[in-house]
C-alpha atoms as a PDB file:
ATOM      1  CA  UNK A   1       0.118   0.029  -0.137  1.00  0.00           C
ATOM      2  CA  UNK A   2       2.767   2.294   0.651  1.00  0.00           C
ATOM      3  CA  UNK A   3       4.108   2.027  -2.908  1.00  0.00           C
ATOM      4  CA  UNK A   4       1.021   3.452  -4.298  1.00  0.00           C
ATOM      5  CA  UNK A   5       1.571   6.544  -2.202  1.00  0.00           C
ATOM      6  CA  UNK A   6       3.061   9.762  -3.738  1.00  0.00           C
ATOM      7  CA  UNK A   7       6.380  10.750  -1.831  1.00  0.00           C
ATOM      8  CA  UNK A   8       7.824  14.303  -1.826  1.00  0.00           C
ATOM      9  CA  UNK A   9      11.258  15.208  -0.514  1.00  0.00           C
ATOM     10  CA  UNK A  10      11.830  18.134   1.849  1.00  0.00           C
ATOM     11  CA  UNK A  11      12.857  21.305   0.457  1.00  0.00           C
ATOM     12  CA  UNK A  12      15.871  21.353   2.794  1.00  0.00           C
ATOM     13  CA  UNK A  13      17.421  18.457   0.840  1.00  0.00           C
ATOM     14  CA  UNK A  14      20.633  19.270  -0.821  1.00  0.00           C
ATOM     15  CA  UNK A  15      19.031  18.854  -4.182  1.00  0.00           C
ATOM     16  CA  UNK A  16      20.801  15.386  -5.064  1.00  0.00           C
ATOM     17  CA  UNK A  17      19.253  12.206  -5.266  1.00  0.00           C
ATOM     18  CA  UNK A  18      21.762  11.177  -2.414  1.00  0.00           C
ATOM     19  CA  UNK A  19      21.052  14.139  -0.414  1.00  0.00           C
ATOM     20  CA  UNK A  20      20.125  13.118   3.299  1.00  0.00           C
ATOM     21  CA  UNK A  21      16.444  14.385   3.947  1.00  0.00           C
ATOM     22  CA  UNK A  22      13.084  13.207   4.736  1.00  0.00           C
ATOM     23  CA  UNK A  23      10.275  12.499   2.265  1.00  0.00           C
ATOM     24  CA  UNK A  24       6.681  12.685   3.205  1.00  0.00           C
ATOM     25  CA  UNK A  25       3.418  11.384   1.718  1.00  0.00           C
ATOM     26  CA  UNK A  26       0.265  13.275   2.553  1.00  0.00           C
ATOM     27  CA  UNK A  27      -3.271  11.343   1.759  1.00  0.00           C
ATOM     28  CA  UNK A  28      -5.830  10.879   4.698  1.00  0.00           C
ATOM     29  CA  UNK A  29      -2.713  10.692   7.004  1.00  0.00           C
ATOM     30  CA  UNK A  30       0.730  11.816   6.726  1.00  0.00           C
ATOM     31  CA  UNK A  31       3.701   9.358   6.463  1.00  0.00           C
ATOM     32  CA  UNK A  32       7.522  10.376   7.075  1.00  0.00           C
ATOM     33  CA  UNK A  33      10.435   8.360   5.997  1.00  0.00           C
ATOM     34  CA  UNK A  34      14.061   8.671   5.464  1.00  0.00           C
ATOM     35  CA  UNK A  35      14.860   9.012   1.644  1.00  0.00           C
ATOM     36  CA  UNK A  36      17.962   7.049   1.915  1.00  0.00           C
ATOM     37  CA  UNK A  37      16.090   4.202   3.204  1.00  0.00           C
ATOM     38  CA  UNK A  38      12.867   4.117   1.407  1.00  0.00           C
ATOM     39  CA  UNK A  39      11.819   0.534   2.386  1.00  0.00           C
ATOM     40  CA  UNK A  40      12.682   1.165   6.048  1.00  0.00           C
ATOM     41  CA  UNK A  41      10.426   2.274   8.769  1.00  0.00           C
ATOM     42  CA  UNK A  42       7.874   5.222   8.661  1.00  0.00           C
ATOM     43  CA  UNK A  43       6.680   7.881  11.187  1.00  0.00           C
ATOM     44  CA  UNK A  44       2.513   7.790  10.711  1.00  0.00           C
ATOM     45  CA  UNK A  45       0.652  10.972  11.773  1.00  0.00           C
ATOM     46  CA  UNK A  46      -3.001  11.575  11.798  1.00  0.00           C
ATOM     47  CA  UNK A  47      -4.082  14.540   9.722  1.00  0.00           C
ATOM     48  CA  UNK A  48      -4.958  16.562  12.995  1.00  0.00           C
ATOM     49  CA  UNK A  49      -1.317  15.637  14.632  1.00  0.00           C
ATOM     50  CA  UNK A  50       0.390  16.465  11.542  1.00  0.00           C
ATOM     51  CA  UNK A  51      -1.312  19.796  11.216  1.00  0.00           C
ATOM     52  CA  UNK A  52      -0.568  20.633  14.903  1.00  0.00           C
ATOM     53  CA  UNK A  53       3.025  19.605  14.311  1.00  0.00           C
ATOM     54  CA  UNK A  54       3.577  21.932  11.249  1.00  0.00           C
ATOM     55  CA  UNK A  55       1.642  24.954  13.089  1.00  0.00           C
ATOM     56  CA  UNK A  56       4.026  24.442  16.014  1.00  0.00           C
ATOM     57  CA  UNK A  57       6.917  24.300  13.911  1.00  0.00           C
ATOM     58  CA  UNK A  58       5.805  27.576  12.004  1.00  0.00           C
ATOM     59  CA  UNK A  59       5.528  29.259  15.125  1.00  0.00           C
ATOM     60  CA  UNK A  60       9.500  28.941  16.033  1.00  0.00           C
END
């Protein structure tokens, strides 16, 4: 099921395929993974939790 999702790299990536960054997939939830290990584990957030995280980061 994760293969069906669209993943986007962080805008803070160094701009190369080898760049060390995270990727996020937004659907009815939010999944976050390490771009260097796409088949590894993911962090899963509910939509309300993801929105709260983004709001809290934006206020810093």
